[in-house]
PDB file of N, CA and C in Angstrom:
ATOM      1  N   MET A   1     104.369  80.571 117.024  1.00  0.00           N
ATOM      2  CA  MET A   1     105.525  81.001 116.243  1.00  0.00           C
ATOM      3  C   MET A   1     106.096  82.276 116.873  1.00  0.00           C
ATOM      4  N   ASP A   2     107.400  82.293 117.039  1.00  0.00           N
ATOM      5  CA  ASP A   2     108.107  83.445 117.568  1.00  0.00           C
ATOM      6  C   ASP A   2     108.116  84.541 116.501  1.00  0.00           C
ATOM      7  N   LYS A   3     107.684  85.735 116.850  1.00  0.00           N
ATOM      8  CA  LYS A   3     107.605  86.819 115.864  1.00  0.00           C
ATOM      9  C   LYS A   3     108.309  88.077 116.362  1.00  0.00           C
ATOM     10  N   ARG A   4     109.523  87.902 116.912  1.00  0.00           N
ATOM     11  CA  ARG A   4     110.291  89.075 117.320  1.00  0.00           C
ATOM     12  C   ARG A   4     110.802  89.795 116.080  1.00  0.00           C
ATOM     13  N   ALA A   5     110.651  91.115 116.066  1.00  0.00           N
ATOM     14  CA  ALA A   5     111.091  91.913 114.921  1.00  0.00           C
ATOM     15  C   ALA A   5     112.600  91.795 114.742  1.00  0.00           C
ATOM     16  N   GLN A   6     113.029  91.728 113.484  1.00  0.00           N
ATOM     17  CA  GLN A   6     114.439  91.658 113.135  1.00  0.00           C
ATOM     18  C   GLN A   6     114.724  92.605 111.977  1.00  0.00           C
ATOM     19  N   LEU A   7     115.951  93.086 111.941  1.00  0.00           N
ATOM     20  CA  LEU A   7     116.459  93.846 110.809  1.00  0.00           C
ATOM     21  C   LEU A   7     117.573  92.998 110.208  1.00  0.00           C
ATOM     22  N   VAL A   8     117.437  92.662 108.925  1.00  0.00           N
ATOM     23  CA  VAL A   8     118.419  91.818 108.253  1.00  0.00           C
ATOM     24  C   VAL A   8     119.173  92.672 107.235  1.00  0.00           C
ATOM     25  N   PHE A   9     120.494  92.580 107.263  1.00  0.00           N
ATOM     26  CA  PHE A   9     121.364  93.288 106.331  1.00  0.00           C
ATOM     27  C   PHE A   9     121.824  92.322 105.250  1.00  0.00           C
ATOM     28  N   CYS A  10     121.810  92.777 104.006  1.00  0.00           N
ATOM     29  CA  CYS A  10     122.275  91.962 102.887  1.00  0.00           C
ATOM     30  C   CYS A  10     122.802  92.899 101.808  1.00  0.00           C
ATOM     31  N   THR A  11     124.049  92.697 101.372  1.00  0.00           N
ATOM     32  CA  THR A  11     124.601  93.518 100.296  1.00  0.00           C
ATOM     33  C   THR A  11     124.376  92.835  98.954  1.00  0.00           C
ATOM     34  N   CYS A  12     124.239  93.654  97.914  1.00  0.00           N
ATOM     35  CA  CYS A  12     124.030  93.165  96.554  1.00  0.00           C
ATOM     36  C   CYS A  12     124.967  93.911  95.603  1.00  0.00           C
ATOM     37  N   PRO A  13     125.367  93.261  94.509  1.00  0.00           N
ATOM     38  CA  PRO A  13     126.327  93.887  93.599  1.00  0.00           C
ATOM     39  C   PRO A  13     125.728  94.941  92.667  1.00  0.00           C
ATOM     40  N   ASP A  14     124.404  94.887  92.441  1.00  0.00           N
ATOM     41  CA  ASP A  14     123.803  95.802  91.471  1.00  0.00           C
ATOM     42  C   ASP A  14     122.324  96.000  91.764  1.00  0.00           C
ATOM     43  N   ARG A  15     121.748  97.019  91.126  1.00  0.00           N
ATOM     44  CA  ARG A  15     120.345  97.368  91.347  1.00  0.00           C
ATOM     45  C   ARG A  15     119.406  96.233  90.926  1.00  0.00           C
ATOM     46  N   GLU A  16     119.731  95.535  89.853  1.00  0.00           N
ATOM     47  CA  GLU A  16     118.858  94.456  89.380  1.00  0.00           C
ATOM     48  C   GLU A  16     118.723  93.346  90.420  1.00  0.00           C
ATOM     49  N   SER A  17     119.845  92.850  90.947  1.00  0.00           N
ATOM     50  CA  SER A  17     119.767  91.768  91.943  1.00  0.00           C
ATOM     51  C   SER A  17     119.137  92.265  93.238  1.00  0.00           C
ATOM     52  N   ALA A  18     119.420  93.514  93.626  1.00  0.00           N
ATOM     53  CA  ALA A  18     118.810  94.073  94.832  1.00  0.00           C
ATOM     54  C   ALA A  18     117.290  94.171  94.676  1.00  0.00           C
ATOM     55  N   GLY A  19     116.837  94.662  93.540  1.00  0.00           N
ATOM     56  CA  GLY A  19     115.403  94.777  93.290  1.00  0.00           C
ATOM     57  C   GLY A  19     114.713  93.427  93.223  1.00  0.00           C
ATOM     58  N   GLN A  20     115.366  92.457  92.593  1.00  0.00           N
ATOM     59  CA  GLN A  20     114.798  91.110  92.497  1.00  0.00           C
ATOM     60  C   GLN A  20     114.639  90.495  93.887  1.00  0.00           C
ATOM     61  N   LEU A  21     115.674  90.613  94.716  1.00  0.00           N
ATOM     62  CA  LEU A  21     115.599  90.061  96.073  1.00  0.00           C
ATOM     63  C   LEU A  21     114.529  90.763  96.901  1.00  0.00           C
ATOM     64  N   ALA A  22     114.526  92.094  96.873  1.00  0.00           N
ATOM     65  CA  ALA A  22     113.554  92.849  97.661  1.00  0.00           C
ATOM     66  C   ALA A  22     112.126  92.480  97.271  1.00  0.00           C
ATOM     67  N   THR A  23     111.865  92.422  95.980  1.00  0.00           N
ATOM     68  CA  THR A  23     110.528  92.084  95.498  1.00  0.00           C
ATOM     69  C   THR A  23     110.122  90.677  95.921  1.00  0.00           C
ATOM     70  N   ALA A  24     111.008  89.714  95.750  1.00  0.00           N
ATOM     71  CA  ALA A  24     110.699  88.323  96.116  1.00  0.00           C
ATOM     72  C   ALA A  24     110.419  88.198  97.618  1.00  0.00           C
ATOM     73  N   LEU A  25     111.209  88.869  98.447  1.00  0.00           N
ATOM     74  CA  LEU A  25     111.020  88.775  99.899  1.00  0.00           C
ATOM     75  C   LEU A  25     109.669  89.335 100.328  1.00  0.00           C
ATOM     76  N   VAL A  26     109.274  90.459  99.756  1.00  0.00           N
ATOM     77  CA  VAL A  26     107.987  91.055 100.118  1.00  0.00           C
ATOM     78  C   VAL A  26     106.835  90.247  99.518  1.00  0.00           C
ATOM     79  N   GLU A  27     106.964  89.840  98.248  1.00  0.00           N
ATOM     80  CA  GLU A  27     105.895  89.050  97.604  1.00  0.00           C
ATOM     81  C   GLU A  27     105.635  87.744  98.337  1.00  0.00           C
ATOM     82  N   GLN A  28     106.694  87.116  98.856  1.00  0.00           N
ATOM     83  CA  GLN A  28     106.537  85.819  99.533  1.00  0.00           C
ATOM     84  C   GLN A  28     106.290  85.971 101.033  1.00  0.00           C
ATOM     85  N   HIS A  29     105.966  87.182 101.470  1.00  0.00           N
ATOM     86  CA  HIS A  29     105.620  87.474 102.865  1.00  0.00           C
ATOM     87  C   HIS A  29     106.745  87.110 103.837  1.00  0.00           C
ATOM     88  N   LEU A  30     107.986  87.252 103.380  1.00  0.00           N
ATOM     89  CA  LEU A  30     109.132  87.009 104.248  1.00  0.00           C
ATOM     90  C   LEU A  30     109.685  88.311 104.804  1.00  0.00           C
ATOM     91  N   ALA A  31     109.205  89.428 104.299  1.00  0.00           N
ATOM     92  CA  ALA A  31     109.586  90.747 104.795  1.00  0.00           C
ATOM     93  C   ALA A  31     108.406  91.685 104.653  1.00  0.00           C
ATOM     94  N   ALA A  32     108.271  92.579 105.621  1.00  0.00           N
ATOM     95  CA  ALA A  32     107.225  93.600 105.531  1.00  0.00           C
ATOM     96  C   ALA A  32     107.664  94.725 104.605  1.00  0.00           C
ATOM     97  N   CYS A  33     108.974  94.996 104.604  1.00  0.00           N
ATOM     98  CA  CYS A  33     109.511  96.109 103.836  1.00  0.00           C
ATOM     99  C   CYS A  33     111.000  95.858 103.617  1.00  0.00           C
ATOM    100  N   VAL A  34     111.500  96.281 102.468  1.00  0.00           N
ATOM    101  CA  VAL A  34     112.934  96.212 102.184  1.00  0.00           C
ATOM    102  C   VAL A  34     113.357  97.565 101.621  1.00  0.00           C
ATOM    103  N   ASN A  35     114.317  98.196 102.279  1.00  0.00           N
ATOM    104  CA  ASN A  35     114.911  99.428 101.760  1.00  0.00           C
ATOM    105  C   ASN A  35     116.158  99.056 100.977  1.00  0.00           C
ATOM    106  N   ILE A  36     116.355  99.713  99.839  1.00  0.00           N
ATOM    107  CA  ILE A  36     117.552  99.498  99.022  1.00  0.00           C
ATOM    108  C   ILE A  36     118.378 100.780  99.107  1.00  0.00           C
ATOM    109  N   LEU A  37     119.551 100.678  99.727  1.00  0.00           N
ATOM    110  CA  LEU A  37     120.429 101.830  99.905  1.00  0.00           C
ATOM    111  C   LEU A  37     121.582 101.730  98.910  1.00  0.00           C
ATOM    112  N   PRO A  38     121.637 102.635  97.945  1.00  0.00           N
ATOM    113  CA  PRO A  38     122.729 102.619  96.973  1.00  0.00           C
ATOM    114  C   PRO A  38     123.968 103.317  97.534  1.00  0.00           C
ATOM    115  N   GLY A  39     125.073 103.176  96.813  1.00  0.00           N
ATOM    116  CA  GLY A  39     126.245 103.990  97.084  1.00  0.00           C
ATOM    117  C   GLY A  39     127.111 103.567  98.242  1.00  0.00           C
ATOM    118  N   ILE A  40     127.097 102.292  98.618  1.00  0.00           N
ATOM    119  CA  ILE A  40     128.035 101.862  99.650  1.00  0.00           C
ATOM    120  C   ILE A  40     129.268 101.270  98.972  1.00  0.00           C
ATOM    121  N   HIS A  41     130.380 101.401  99.632  1.00  0.00           N
ATOM    122  CA  HIS A  41     131.632 100.833  99.124  1.00  0.00           C
ATOM    123  C   HIS A  41     132.163  99.896 100.192  1.00  0.00           C
ATOM    124  N   SER A  42     132.375  98.640  99.839  1.00  0.00           N
ATOM    125  CA  SER A  42     132.825  97.626 100.786  1.00  0.00           C
ATOM    126  C   SER A  42     134.289  97.270 100.536  1.00  0.00           C
ATOM    127  N   VAL A  43     135.029  97.117 101.616  1.00  0.00           N
ATOM    128  CA  VAL A  43     136.412  96.643 101.575  1.00  0.00           C
ATOM    129  C   VAL A  43     136.445  95.391 102.432  1.00  0.00           C
ATOM    130  N   TYR A  44     136.949  94.290 101.868  1.00  0.00           N
ATOM    131  CA  TYR A  44     136.885  93.007 102.568  1.00  0.00           C
ATOM    132  C   TYR A  44     137.992  92.078 102.084  1.00  0.00           C
ATOM    133  N   ARG A  45     138.162  91.006 102.832  1.00  0.00           N
ATOM    134  CA  ARG A  45     139.112  89.966 102.443  1.00  0.00           C
ATOM    135  C   ARG A  45     138.298  88.772 101.943  1.00  0.00           C
ATOM    136  N   TRP A  46     138.627  88.279 100.765  1.00  0.00           N
ATOM    137  CA  TRP A  46     137.924  87.121 100.189  1.00  0.00           C
ATOM    138  C   TRP A  46     138.958  86.172  99.624  1.00  0.00           C
ATOM    139  N   GLN A  47     138.925  84.945 100.110  1.00  0.00           N
ATOM    140  CA  GLN A  47     139.831  83.889  99.678  1.00  0.00           C
ATOM    141  C   GLN A  47     141.290  84.351  99.732  1.00  0.00           C
ATOM    142  N   GLY A  48     141.626  85.022 100.848  1.00  0.00           N
ATOM    143  CA  GLY A  48     142.985  85.445 101.107  1.00  0.00           C
ATOM    144  C   GLY A  48     143.429  86.724 100.419  1.00  0.00           C
ATOM    145  N   GLU A  49     142.568  87.345  99.648  1.00  0.00           N
ATOM    146  CA  GLU A  49     142.924  88.553  98.895  1.00  0.00           C
ATOM    147  C   GLU A  49     142.092  89.738  99.374  1.00  0.00           C
ATOM    148  N   MET A  50     142.702  90.919  99.389  1.00  0.00           N
ATOM    149  CA  MET A  50     141.960  92.142  99.689  1.00  0.00           C
ATOM    150  C   MET A  50     141.121  92.498  98.459  1.00  0.00           C
ATOM    151  N   GLU A  51     139.872  92.828  98.695  1.00  0.00           N
ATOM    152  CA  GLU A  51     138.938  93.170  97.628  1.00  0.00           C
ATOM    153  C   GLU A  51     138.210  94.457  98.001  1.00  0.00           C
ATOM    154  N   SER A  52     137.608  95.095  97.027  1.00  0.00           N
ATOM    155  CA  SER A  52     136.702  96.209  97.281  1.00  0.00           C
ATOM    156  C   SER A  52     135.656  96.207  96.179  1.00  0.00           C
ATOM    157  N   ALA A  53     134.475  96.698  96.520  1.00  0.00           N
ATOM    158  CA  ALA A  53     133.376  96.685  95.551  1.00  0.00           C
ATOM    159  C   ALA A  53     132.351  97.750  95.905  1.00  0.00           C
ATOM    160  N   ASN A  54     131.737  98.323  94.888  1.00  0.00           N
ATOM    161  CA  ASN A  54     130.573  99.172  95.078  1.00  0.00           C
ATOM    162  C   ASN A  54     129.356  98.253  95.151  1.00  0.00           C
ATOM    163  N   GLU A  55     128.527  98.457  96.165  1.00  0.00           N
ATOM    164  CA  GLU A  55     127.390  97.578  96.386  1.00  0.00           C
ATOM    165  C   GLU A  55     126.170  98.398  96.790  1.00  0.00           C
ATOM    166  N   LEU A  56     125.050  97.711  96.914  1.00  0.00           N
ATOM    167  CA  LEU A  56     123.827  98.265  97.468  1.00  0.00           C
ATOM    168  C   LEU A  56     123.527  97.456  98.724  1.00  0.00           C
ATOM    169  N   LEU A  57     122.927  98.114  99.706  1.00  0.00           N
ATOM    170  CA  LEU A  57     122.602  97.443 100.958  1.00  0.00           C
ATOM    171  C   LEU A  57     121.096  97.298 101.082  1.00  0.00           C
ATOM    172  N   LEU A  58     120.651  96.086 101.349  1.00  0.00           N
ATOM    173  CA  LEU A  58     119.244  95.852 101.648  1.00  0.00           C
ATOM    174  C   LEU A  58     119.053  95.903 103.155  1.00  0.00           C
ATOM    175  N   LEU A  59     118.088  96.694 103.607  1.00  0.00           N
ATOM    176  CA  LEU A  59     117.650  96.695 105.002  1.00  0.00           C
ATOM    177  C   LEU A  59     116.286  96.014 105.007  1.00  0.00           C
ATOM    178  N   ILE A  60     116.264  94.799 105.496  1.00  0.00           N
ATOM    179  CA  ILE A  60     115.077  93.951 105.415  1.00  0.00           C
ATOM    180  C   ILE A  60     114.382  93.931 106.771  1.00  0.00           C
ATOM    181  N   LYS A  61     113.125  94.402 106.821  1.00  0.00           N
ATOM    182  CA  LYS A  61     112.350  94.379 108.056  1.00  0.00           C
ATOM    183  C   LYS A  61     111.497  93.117 108.058  1.00  0.00           C
ATOM    184  N   THR A  62     111.754  92.261 109.040  1.00  0.00           N
ATOM    185  CA  THR A  62     111.077  90.970 109.093  1.00  0.00           C
ATOM    186  C   THR A  62     110.924  90.547 110.550  1.00  0.00           C
ATOM    187  N   HIS A  63     110.594  89.277 110.764  1.00  0.00           N
ATOM    188  CA  HIS A  63     110.514  88.749 112.128  1.00  0.00           C
ATOM    189  C   HIS A  63     111.149  87.362 112.185  1.00  0.00           C
ATOM    190  N   SER A  64     111.482  86.976 113.400  1.00  0.00           N
ATOM    191  CA  SER A  64     112.236  85.738 113.610  1.00  0.00           C
ATOM    192  C   SER A  64     111.494  84.489 113.145  1.00  0.00           C
ATOM    193  N   GLY A  65     110.181  84.532 113.087  1.00  0.00           N
ATOM    194  CA  GLY A  65     109.409  83.361 112.681  1.00  0.00           C
ATOM    195  C   GLY A  65     109.619  82.940 111.238  1.00  0.00           C
ATOM    196  N   VAL A  66     110.060  83.859 110.388  1.00  0.00           N
ATOM    197  CA  VAL A  66     110.265  83.536 108.973  1.00  0.00           C
ATOM    198  C   VAL A  66     111.749  83.591 108.567  1.00  0.00           C
ATOM    199  N   TYR A  67     112.638  83.802 109.551  1.00  0.00           N
ATOM    200  CA  TYR A  67     114.042  84.008 109.212  1.00  0.00           C
ATOM    201  C   TYR A  67     114.633  82.873 108.372  1.00  0.00           C
ATOM    202  N   ARG A  68     114.441  81.645 108.731  1.00  0.00           N
ATOM    203  CA  ARG A  68     115.065  80.522 107.987  1.00  0.00           C
ATOM    204  C   ARG A  68     114.605  80.505 106.529  1.00  0.00           C
ATOM    205  N   ALA A  69     113.328  80.725 106.292  1.00  0.00           N
ATOM    206  CA  ALA A  69     112.824  80.756 104.920  1.00  0.00           C
ATOM    207  C   ALA A  69     113.401  81.956 104.170  1.00  0.00           C
ATOM    208  N   LEU A  70     113.525  83.103 104.840  1.00  0.00           N
ATOM    209  CA  LEU A  70     114.127  84.293 104.245  1.00  0.00           C
ATOM    210  C   LEU A  70     115.574  83.996 103.848  1.00  0.00           C
ATOM    211  N   GLU A  71     116.319  83.384 104.747  1.00  0.00           N
ATOM    212  CA  GLU A  71     117.716  83.036 104.472  1.00  0.00           C
ATOM    213  C   GLU A  71     117.818  82.098 103.256  1.00  0.00           C
ATOM    214  N   ARG A  72     116.974  81.083 103.206  1.00  0.00           N
ATOM    215  CA  ARG A  72     116.997  80.138 102.074  1.00  0.00           C
ATOM    216  C   ARG A  72     116.728  80.848 100.750  1.00  0.00           C
ATOM    217  N   LEU A  73     115.761  81.765 100.745  1.00  0.00           N
ATOM    218  CA  LEU A  73     115.430  82.474  99.511  1.00  0.00           C
ATOM    219  C   LEU A  73     116.587  83.369  99.070  1.00  0.00           C
ATOM    220  N   ILE A  74     117.199  84.071 100.006  1.00  0.00           N
ATOM    221  CA  ILE A  74     118.336  84.914  99.639  1.00  0.00           C
ATOM    222  C   ILE A  74     119.455  84.058  99.055  1.00  0.00           C
ATOM    223  N   VAL A  75     119.801  82.970  99.704  1.00  0.00           N
ATOM    224  CA  VAL A  75     120.868  82.091  99.200  1.00  0.00           C
ATOM    225  C   VAL A  75     120.522  81.576  97.803  1.00  0.00           C
ATOM    226  N   GLN A  76     119.259  81.240  97.577  1.00  0.00           N
ATOM    227  CA  GLN A  76     118.814  80.720  96.280  1.00  0.00           C
ATOM    228  C   GLN A  76     118.935  81.772  95.175  1.00  0.00           C
ATOM    229  N   LEU A  77     118.548  83.020  95.464  1.00  0.00           N
ATOM    230  CA  LEU A  77     118.474  84.050  94.423  1.00  0.00           C
ATOM    231  C   LEU A  77     119.715  84.921  94.308  1.00  0.00           C
ATOM    232  N   HIS A  78     120.540  84.960  95.327  1.00  0.00           N
ATOM    233  CA  HIS A  78     121.656  85.905  95.378  1.00  0.00           C
ATOM    234  C   HIS A  78     122.778  85.490  94.421  1.00  0.00           C
ATOM    235  N   PRO A  79     123.377  86.469  93.716  1.00  0.00           N
ATOM    236  CA  PRO A  79     124.451  86.127  92.772  1.00  0.00           C
ATOM    237  C   PRO A  79     125.794  85.810  93.443  1.00  0.00           C
ATOM    238  N   TYR A  80     125.982  86.191  94.709  1.00  0.00           N
ATOM    239  CA  TYR A  80     127.254  85.920  95.384  1.00  0.00           C
ATOM    240  C   TYR A  80     127.339  84.465  95.832  1.00  0.00           C
ATOM    241  N   GLU A  81     128.539  83.929  95.816  1.00  0.00           N
ATOM    242  CA  GLU A  81     128.790  82.587  96.346  1.00  0.00           C
ATOM    243  C   GLU A  81     128.492  82.538  97.842  1.00  0.00           C
ATOM    244  N   LEU A  82     128.843  83.603  98.554  1.00  0.00           N
ATOM    245  CA  LEU A  82     128.608  83.704  99.990  1.00  0.00           C
ATOM    246  C   LEU A  82     127.974  85.062 100.297  1.00  0.00           C
ATOM    247  N   PRO A  83     126.646  85.151 100.238  1.00  0.00           N
ATOM    248  CA  PRO A  83     126.003  86.445 100.475  1.00  0.00           C
ATOM    249  C   PRO A  83     126.064  86.858 101.951  1.00  0.00           C
ATOM    250  N   GLU A  84     126.137  88.153 102.163  1.00  0.00           N
ATOM    251  CA  GLU A  84     126.045  88.688 103.522  1.00  0.00           C
ATOM    252  C   GLU A  84     124.589  88.601 103.953  1.00  0.00           C
ATOM    253  N   ILE A  85     124.341  87.900 105.053  1.00  0.00           N
ATOM    254  CA  ILE A  85     123.009  87.829 105.653  1.00  0.00           C
ATOM    255  C   ILE A  85     123.237  87.926 107.155  1.00  0.00           C
ATOM    256  N   ILE A  86     122.913  89.082 107.720  1.00  0.00           N
ATOM    257  CA  ILE A  86     123.121  89.316 109.148  1.00  0.00           C
ATOM    258  C   ILE A  86     121.802  89.810 109.731  1.00  0.00           C
ATOM    259  N   ALA A  87     121.271  89.060 110.698  1.00  0.00           N
ATOM    260  CA  ALA A  87     120.014  89.429 111.344  1.00  0.00           C
ATOM    261  C   ALA A  87     120.302  90.010 112.727  1.00  0.00           C
ATOM    262  N   VAL A  88     119.669  91.141 113.002  1.00  0.00           N
ATOM    263  CA  VAL A  88     119.833  91.830 114.273  1.00  0.00           C
ATOM    264  C   VAL A  88     118.451  91.978 114.912  1.00  0.00           C
ATOM    265  N   PRO A  89     118.311  91.576 116.175  1.00  0.00           N
ATOM    266  CA  PRO A  89     117.004  91.760 116.816  1.00  0.00           C
ATOM    267  C   PRO A  89     116.705  93.235 117.033  1.00  0.00           C
ATOM    268  N   VAL A  90     115.444  93.588 116.914  1.00  0.00           N
ATOM    269  CA  VAL A  90     115.001  94.955 117.165  1.00  0.00           C
ATOM    270  C   VAL A  90     114.597  95.024 118.635  1.00  0.00           C
ATOM    271  N   GLU A  91     115.296  95.847 119.389  1.00  0.00           N
ATOM    272  CA  GLU A  91     115.039  95.961 120.830  1.00  0.00           C
ATOM    273  C   GLU A  91     113.813  96.809 121.135  1.00  0.00           C
ATOM    274  N   ASN A  92     113.648  97.912 120.412  1.00  0.00           N
ATOM    275  CA  ASN A  92     112.558  98.840 120.659  1.00  0.00           C
ATOM    276  C   ASN A  92     112.118  99.469 119.355  1.00  0.00           C
ATOM    277  N   GLY A  93     110.935 100.015 119.360  1.00  0.00           N
ATOM    278  CA  GLY A  93     110.401 100.705 118.199  1.00  0.00           C
ATOM    279  C   GLY A  93     108.955 101.064 118.455  1.00  0.00           C
ATOM    280  N   LEU A  94     108.376 101.817 117.534  1.00  0.00           N
ATOM    281  CA  LEU A  94     106.972 102.166 117.640  1.00  0.00           C
ATOM    282  C   LEU A  94     106.151 100.868 117.661  1.00  0.00           C
ATOM    283  N   PRO A  95     105.394 100.605 118.722  1.00  0.00           N
ATOM    284  CA  PRO A  95     104.690  99.325 118.827  1.00  0.00           C
ATOM    285  C   PRO A  95     103.843  98.975 117.599  1.00  0.00           C
ATOM    286  N   ALA A  96     103.118  99.937 117.043  1.00  0.00           N
ATOM    287  CA  ALA A  96     102.279  99.651 115.878  1.00  0.00           C
ATOM    288  C   ALA A  96     103.136  99.247 114.678  1.00  0.00           C
ATOM    289  N   TYR A  97     104.299  99.875 114.521  1.00  0.00           N
ATOM    290  CA  TYR A  97     105.203  99.524 113.408  1.00  0.00           C
ATOM    291  C   TYR A  97     105.767  98.119 113.606  1.00  0.00           C
ATOM    292  N   LEU A  98     106.171  97.805 114.831  1.00  0.00           N
ATOM    293  CA  LEU A  98     106.700  96.465 115.105  1.00  0.00           C
ATOM    294  C   LEU A  98     105.629  95.400 114.898  1.00  0.00           C
ATOM    295  N   ASP A  99     104.385  95.706 115.243  1.00  0.00           N
ATOM    296  CA  ASP A  99     103.292  94.770 114.971  1.00  0.00           C
ATOM    297  C   ASP A  99     103.137  94.539 113.471  1.00  0.00           C
ATOM    298  N   TRP A 100     103.254  95.613 112.693  1.00  0.00           N
ATOM    299  CA  TRP A 100     103.141  95.509 111.230  1.00  0.00           C
ATOM    300  C   TRP A 100     104.240  94.619 110.667  1.00  0.00           C
ATOM    301  N   ILE A 101     105.460  94.770 111.170  1.00  0.00           N
ATOM    302  CA  ILE A 101     106.573  93.927 110.716  1.00  0.00           C
ATOM    303  C   ILE A 101     106.273  92.459 110.969  1.00  0.00           C
ATOM    304  N   SER A 102     105.604  92.162 112.054  1.00  0.00           N
ATOM    305  CA  SER A 102     105.334  90.769 112.434  1.00  0.00           C
ATOM    306  C   SER A 102     104.195  90.142 111.650  1.00  0.00           C
ATOM    307  N   GLU A 103     103.538  90.894 110.773  1.00  0.00           N
ATOM    308  CA  GLU A 103     102.427  90.345 109.997  1.00  0.00           C
ATOM    309  C   GLU A 103     102.844  89.404 108.874  1.00  0.00           C
ATOM    310  N   PRO A 104     104.034  89.588 108.214  1.00  0.00           N
ATOM    311  CA  PRO A 104     104.314  88.723 107.047  1.00  0.00           C
ATOM    312  C   PRO A 104     104.200  87.256 107.350  1.00  0.00           C
TER     313      PRO A 104
END
């Protein structure tokens, strides 16, 4: 199984949904750690209209071997019709920390 470290970004509309997602991802061993960053403001176009919203950002530390299952769980639990799920490979980091991320 490929276990390259990844950082996944996901926005949530409120603390309750962010906490529920973070807890489920860690409990189901799909993430080693999830940071919940409050206080972001998003401006975007949705269905042809300009929108803006206050959101929370999840920074999900995981690895490529579990990405598909992580994506399925977010889609299942997320309140948005189209949740933001963006995975970025981790190029470098403290080797022991990257090994820990690959354990889930």
